[in-house]
Amino acid sequence: MIVTTTNSIEGREISRYNDPIAANVVIGTNIFSDIGASYVDFFGGRSTSYEKKMQEMYKRITETLKQGAQAIRADAIIGLSVDIDEISGKGS
């Protein structure tokens, strides 16, 4: 299935528009990832554990959207937009 952020697919005609589909994914991290990220925040650099979690989230989101699209017999997802927000256990 084609998944694109653009509003059209070159060489393909859109024959039918469906209602939008959506997906929500929540992934938790462990205490060691959080501690490592705190050091990265302070000293600079990259948090590979968080980057891997973000990649996992994106993959799960696109797979969930593909399943939703297949359920309504769509053959592509156009105009994909992904928004990732932090939800903290501390209520922030």
N, C-alpha and C. Protein backbone atom coordinates (compact mmCIF):
# COMPACT_ATOMS: atom_id res chain seq x y z
N MET A 1 0.84 -1.17 0.00
CA MET A 1 0.00 0.00 0.00
C MET A 1 0.89 1.24 0.00
N ILE A 2 0.54 2.18 -0.83
CA ILE A 2 1.28 3.44 -0.91
C ILE A 2 0.86 4.34 0.25
N VAL A 3 1.84 4.89 0.95
CA VAL A 3 1.60 5.86 2.02
C VAL A 3 2.46 7.07 1.70
N THR A 4 1.83 8.24 1.59
CA THR A 4 2.57 9.45 1.24
C THR A 4 2.05 10.66 2.01
N THR A 5 2.94 11.61 2.21
CA THR A 5 2.55 12.86 2.87
C THR A 5 1.99 13.87 1.88
N THR A 6 2.13 13.58 0.60
CA THR A 6 1.63 14.50 -0.42
C THR A 6 0.14 14.30 -0.63
N ASN A 7 -0.50 15.25 -1.32
CA ASN A 7 -1.93 15.18 -1.55
C ASN A 7 -2.31 14.47 -2.84
N SER A 8 -1.32 13.95 -3.53
CA SER A 8 -1.58 13.18 -4.75
C SER A 8 -0.42 12.22 -4.96
N ILE A 9 -0.64 11.27 -5.87
CA ILE A 9 0.40 10.31 -6.22
C ILE A 9 0.61 10.42 -7.72
N GLU A 10 1.83 10.78 -8.10
CA GLU A 10 2.13 10.98 -9.51
C GLU A 10 1.78 9.72 -10.31
N GLY A 11 1.06 9.94 -11.40
CA GLY A 11 0.68 8.84 -12.28
C GLY A 11 -0.53 8.06 -11.82
N ARG A 12 -1.14 8.45 -10.71
CA ARG A 12 -2.33 7.76 -10.20
C ARG A 12 -3.47 8.75 -10.09
N GLU A 13 -4.66 8.32 -10.46
CA GLU A 13 -5.84 9.15 -10.34
C GLU A 13 -6.62 8.74 -9.10
N ILE A 14 -7.08 9.72 -8.35
CA ILE A 14 -7.89 9.44 -7.17
C ILE A 14 -9.32 9.27 -7.64
N SER A 15 -9.85 8.06 -7.48
CA SER A 15 -11.20 7.78 -7.96
C SER A 15 -12.26 7.91 -6.87
N ARG A 16 -11.82 7.90 -5.60
CA ARG A 16 -12.77 7.95 -4.50
C ARG A 16 -12.07 8.49 -3.27
N TYR A 17 -12.76 9.35 -2.55
CA TYR A 17 -12.25 9.87 -1.28
C TYR A 17 -13.05 9.22 -0.14
N ASN A 18 -12.36 8.82 0.90
CA ASN A 18 -13.00 8.21 2.07
C ASN A 18 -12.91 9.17 3.24
N ASP A 19 -13.63 8.84 4.30
CA ASP A 19 -13.49 9.60 5.54
C ASP A 19 -12.06 9.43 6.04
N PRO A 20 -11.55 10.41 6.75
CA PRO A 20 -10.18 10.29 7.28
C PRO A 20 -10.06 9.11 8.24
N ILE A 21 -8.88 8.53 8.29
CA ILE A 21 -8.59 7.49 9.27
C ILE A 21 -7.55 8.05 10.23
N ALA A 22 -7.55 7.53 11.44
CA ALA A 22 -6.62 8.04 12.47
C ALA A 22 -6.07 6.87 13.26
N ALA A 23 -4.95 7.09 13.90
CA ALA A 23 -4.33 6.08 14.76
C ALA A 23 -3.70 6.77 15.95
N ASN A 24 -3.78 6.13 17.08
CA ASN A 24 -3.14 6.61 18.30
C ASN A 24 -2.26 5.50 18.85
N VAL A 25 -1.05 5.84 19.19
CA VAL A 25 -0.11 4.87 19.74
C VAL A 25 0.53 5.48 20.97
N VAL A 26 0.59 4.72 22.05
CA VAL A 26 1.25 5.17 23.27
C VAL A 26 2.35 4.17 23.59
N ILE A 27 3.55 4.67 23.78
CA ILE A 27 4.69 3.82 24.10
C ILE A 27 5.35 4.37 25.36
N GLY A 28 5.63 3.49 26.29
CA GLY A 28 6.32 3.89 27.51
C GLY A 28 7.81 3.63 27.38
N THR A 29 8.58 4.37 28.13
CA THR A 29 10.02 4.13 28.21
C THR A 29 10.32 3.61 29.61
N ASN A 30 11.50 3.13 29.79
CA ASN A 30 11.85 2.65 31.13
C ASN A 30 12.73 3.68 31.84
N ILE A 31 12.96 3.46 33.09
CA ILE A 31 13.72 4.40 33.92
C ILE A 31 15.13 4.63 33.39
N PHE A 32 15.75 3.58 32.83
CA PHE A 32 17.12 3.72 32.33
C PHE A 32 17.17 4.61 31.09
N SER A 33 16.15 4.51 30.23
CA SER A 33 16.08 5.41 29.08
C SER A 33 15.94 6.85 29.53
N ASP A 34 15.09 7.06 30.55
CA ASP A 34 14.87 8.41 31.07
C ASP A 34 16.14 8.99 31.68
N ILE A 35 16.87 8.18 32.42
CA ILE A 35 18.12 8.66 33.02
C ILE A 35 19.13 9.00 31.93
N GLY A 36 19.25 8.13 30.93
CA GLY A 36 20.17 8.39 29.82
C GLY A 36 19.80 9.66 29.07
N ALA A 37 18.50 9.88 28.87
CA ALA A 37 18.05 11.08 28.17
C ALA A 37 18.34 12.33 28.99
N SER A 38 18.29 12.22 30.31
CA SER A 38 18.62 13.37 31.17
C SER A 38 20.07 13.80 30.97
N TYR A 39 20.97 12.83 30.87
CA TYR A 39 22.38 13.15 30.61
C TYR A 39 22.55 13.79 29.23
N VAL A 40 21.83 13.26 28.24
CA VAL A 40 21.91 13.83 26.89
C VAL A 40 21.40 15.27 26.90
N ASP A 41 20.30 15.52 27.63
CA ASP A 41 19.77 16.89 27.74
C ASP A 41 20.80 17.83 28.34
N PHE A 42 21.51 17.36 29.36
CA PHE A 42 22.47 18.20 30.07
C PHE A 42 23.76 18.40 29.27
N PHE A 43 24.33 17.30 28.76
CA PHE A 43 25.63 17.36 28.10
C PHE A 43 25.55 17.53 26.58
N GLY A 44 24.39 17.29 26.01
CA GLY A 44 24.24 17.36 24.55
C GLY A 44 24.41 15.99 23.93
N GLY A 45 24.08 15.89 22.67
CA GLY A 45 24.20 14.62 21.97
C GLY A 45 22.85 14.07 21.58
N ARG A 46 22.82 12.77 21.32
CA ARG A 46 21.60 12.11 20.85
C ARG A 46 21.24 10.97 21.79
N SER A 47 19.96 10.79 21.98
CA SER A 47 19.47 9.68 22.78
C SER A 47 19.01 8.57 21.84
N THR A 48 19.87 7.59 21.62
CA THR A 48 19.51 6.51 20.68
C THR A 48 18.34 5.69 21.19
N SER A 49 18.19 5.54 22.49
CA SER A 49 17.05 4.77 23.01
C SER A 49 15.73 5.48 22.68
N TYR A 50 15.70 6.80 22.81
CA TYR A 50 14.49 7.55 22.45
C TYR A 50 14.28 7.55 20.94
N GLU A 51 15.35 7.65 20.18
CA GLU A 51 15.23 7.62 18.72
C GLU A 51 14.63 6.29 18.26
N LYS A 52 15.05 5.20 18.87
CA LYS A 52 14.50 3.89 18.53
C LYS A 52 13.02 3.81 18.88
N LYS A 53 12.64 4.38 20.02
CA LYS A 53 11.23 4.40 20.41
C LYS A 53 10.40 5.22 19.43
N MET A 54 10.94 6.34 18.96
CA MET A 54 10.24 7.17 17.99
C MET A 54 10.05 6.42 16.67
N GLN A 55 11.08 5.72 16.23
CA GLN A 55 10.98 4.93 15.01
C GLN A 55 9.93 3.83 15.18
N GLU A 56 9.91 3.19 16.34
CA GLU A 56 8.92 2.15 16.62
C GLU A 56 7.51 2.73 16.58
N MET A 57 7.34 3.92 17.16
CA MET A 57 6.03 4.57 17.15
C MET A 57 5.57 4.85 15.72
N TYR A 58 6.46 5.41 14.91
CA TYR A 58 6.10 5.74 13.54
C TYR A 58 5.70 4.47 12.77
N LYS A 59 6.46 3.40 12.97
CA LYS A 59 6.15 2.14 12.29
C LYS A 59 4.78 1.61 12.73
N ARG A 60 4.51 1.64 14.03
CA ARG A 60 3.22 1.15 14.53
C ARG A 60 2.07 2.01 14.03
N ILE A 61 2.28 3.32 13.97
CA ILE A 61 1.24 4.22 13.47
C ILE A 61 0.92 3.91 12.01
N THR A 62 1.94 3.81 11.18
CA THR A 62 1.69 3.56 9.76
C THR A 62 1.05 2.19 9.54
N GLU A 63 1.46 1.18 10.31
CA GLU A 63 0.85 -0.14 10.18
C GLU A 63 -0.62 -0.10 10.58
N THR A 64 -0.94 0.61 11.65
CA THR A 64 -2.33 0.75 12.10
C THR A 64 -3.16 1.48 11.06
N LEU A 65 -2.60 2.53 10.47
CA LEU A 65 -3.31 3.27 9.43
C LEU A 65 -3.54 2.41 8.19
N LYS A 66 -2.55 1.62 7.81
CA LYS A 66 -2.70 0.72 6.66
C LYS A 66 -3.83 -0.28 6.90
N GLN A 67 -3.91 -0.82 8.10
CA GLN A 67 -4.99 -1.75 8.42
C GLN A 67 -6.35 -1.07 8.32
N GLY A 68 -6.43 0.17 8.81
CA GLY A 68 -7.67 0.92 8.71
C GLY A 68 -8.04 1.22 7.27
N ALA A 69 -7.05 1.54 6.46
CA ALA A 69 -7.30 1.82 5.04
C ALA A 69 -7.76 0.55 4.31
N GLN A 70 -7.13 -0.57 4.62
CA GLN A 70 -7.53 -1.83 3.99
C GLN A 70 -8.95 -2.21 4.38
N ALA A 71 -9.34 -1.90 5.61
CA ALA A 71 -10.69 -2.23 6.09
C ALA A 71 -11.76 -1.49 5.31
N ILE A 72 -11.43 -0.31 4.78
CA ILE A 72 -12.41 0.45 3.98
C ILE A 72 -12.11 0.34 2.49
N ARG A 73 -11.26 -0.63 2.15
CA ARG A 73 -10.91 -0.95 0.76
C ARG A 73 -10.22 0.20 0.02
N ALA A 74 -9.41 0.94 0.74
CA ALA A 74 -8.59 1.98 0.11
C ALA A 74 -7.29 1.33 -0.35
N ASP A 75 -6.70 1.87 -1.41
CA ASP A 75 -5.44 1.30 -1.88
C ASP A 75 -4.25 2.22 -1.65
N ALA A 76 -4.48 3.35 -0.98
CA ALA A 76 -3.39 4.27 -0.66
C ALA A 76 -3.82 5.19 0.48
N ILE A 77 -2.83 5.74 1.15
CA ILE A 77 -3.05 6.77 2.17
C ILE A 77 -2.30 8.00 1.69
N ILE A 78 -3.04 9.08 1.47
CA ILE A 78 -2.39 10.32 1.02
C ILE A 78 -2.54 11.38 2.11
N GLY A 79 -1.64 12.34 2.08
CA GLY A 79 -1.70 13.45 3.04
C GLY A 79 -1.40 13.03 4.46
N LEU A 80 -0.55 12.03 4.64
CA LEU A 80 -0.22 11.55 5.99
C LEU A 80 0.46 12.65 6.80
N SER A 81 -0.03 12.82 8.01
CA SER A 81 0.57 13.75 8.96
C SER A 81 0.66 13.04 10.30
N VAL A 82 1.84 13.03 10.90
CA VAL A 82 2.05 12.37 12.18
C VAL A 82 2.46 13.42 13.20
N ASP A 83 1.79 13.41 14.34
CA ASP A 83 2.09 14.33 15.43
C ASP A 83 2.45 13.50 16.65
N ILE A 84 3.63 13.72 17.19
CA ILE A 84 4.08 12.96 18.35
C ILE A 84 4.22 13.91 19.53
N ASP A 85 3.52 13.59 20.62
CA ASP A 85 3.54 14.43 21.81
C ASP A 85 4.02 13.61 23.01
N GLU A 86 4.58 14.31 23.97
CA GLU A 86 5.04 13.67 25.21
C GLU A 86 3.91 13.68 26.22
N ILE A 87 3.73 12.53 26.86
CA ILE A 87 2.81 12.44 27.99
C ILE A 87 3.64 11.95 29.16
N SER A 88 3.72 12.74 30.19
CA SER A 88 4.55 12.38 31.34
C SER A 88 3.69 11.78 32.44
N GLY A 89 4.25 10.83 33.14
CA GLY A 89 3.57 10.23 34.28
C GLY A 89 3.39 11.20 35.43
N LYS A 90 4.08 12.33 35.34
CA LYS A 90 3.99 13.34 36.40
C LYS A 90 2.88 14.34 36.14
N GLY A 91 2.04 14.05 35.11
CA GLY A 91 0.92 14.93 34.83
C GLY A 91 1.27 16.12 33.95
N SER A 92 2.46 16.12 33.35
CA SER A 92 2.82 17.25 32.49
C SER A 92 2.87 16.83 31.05
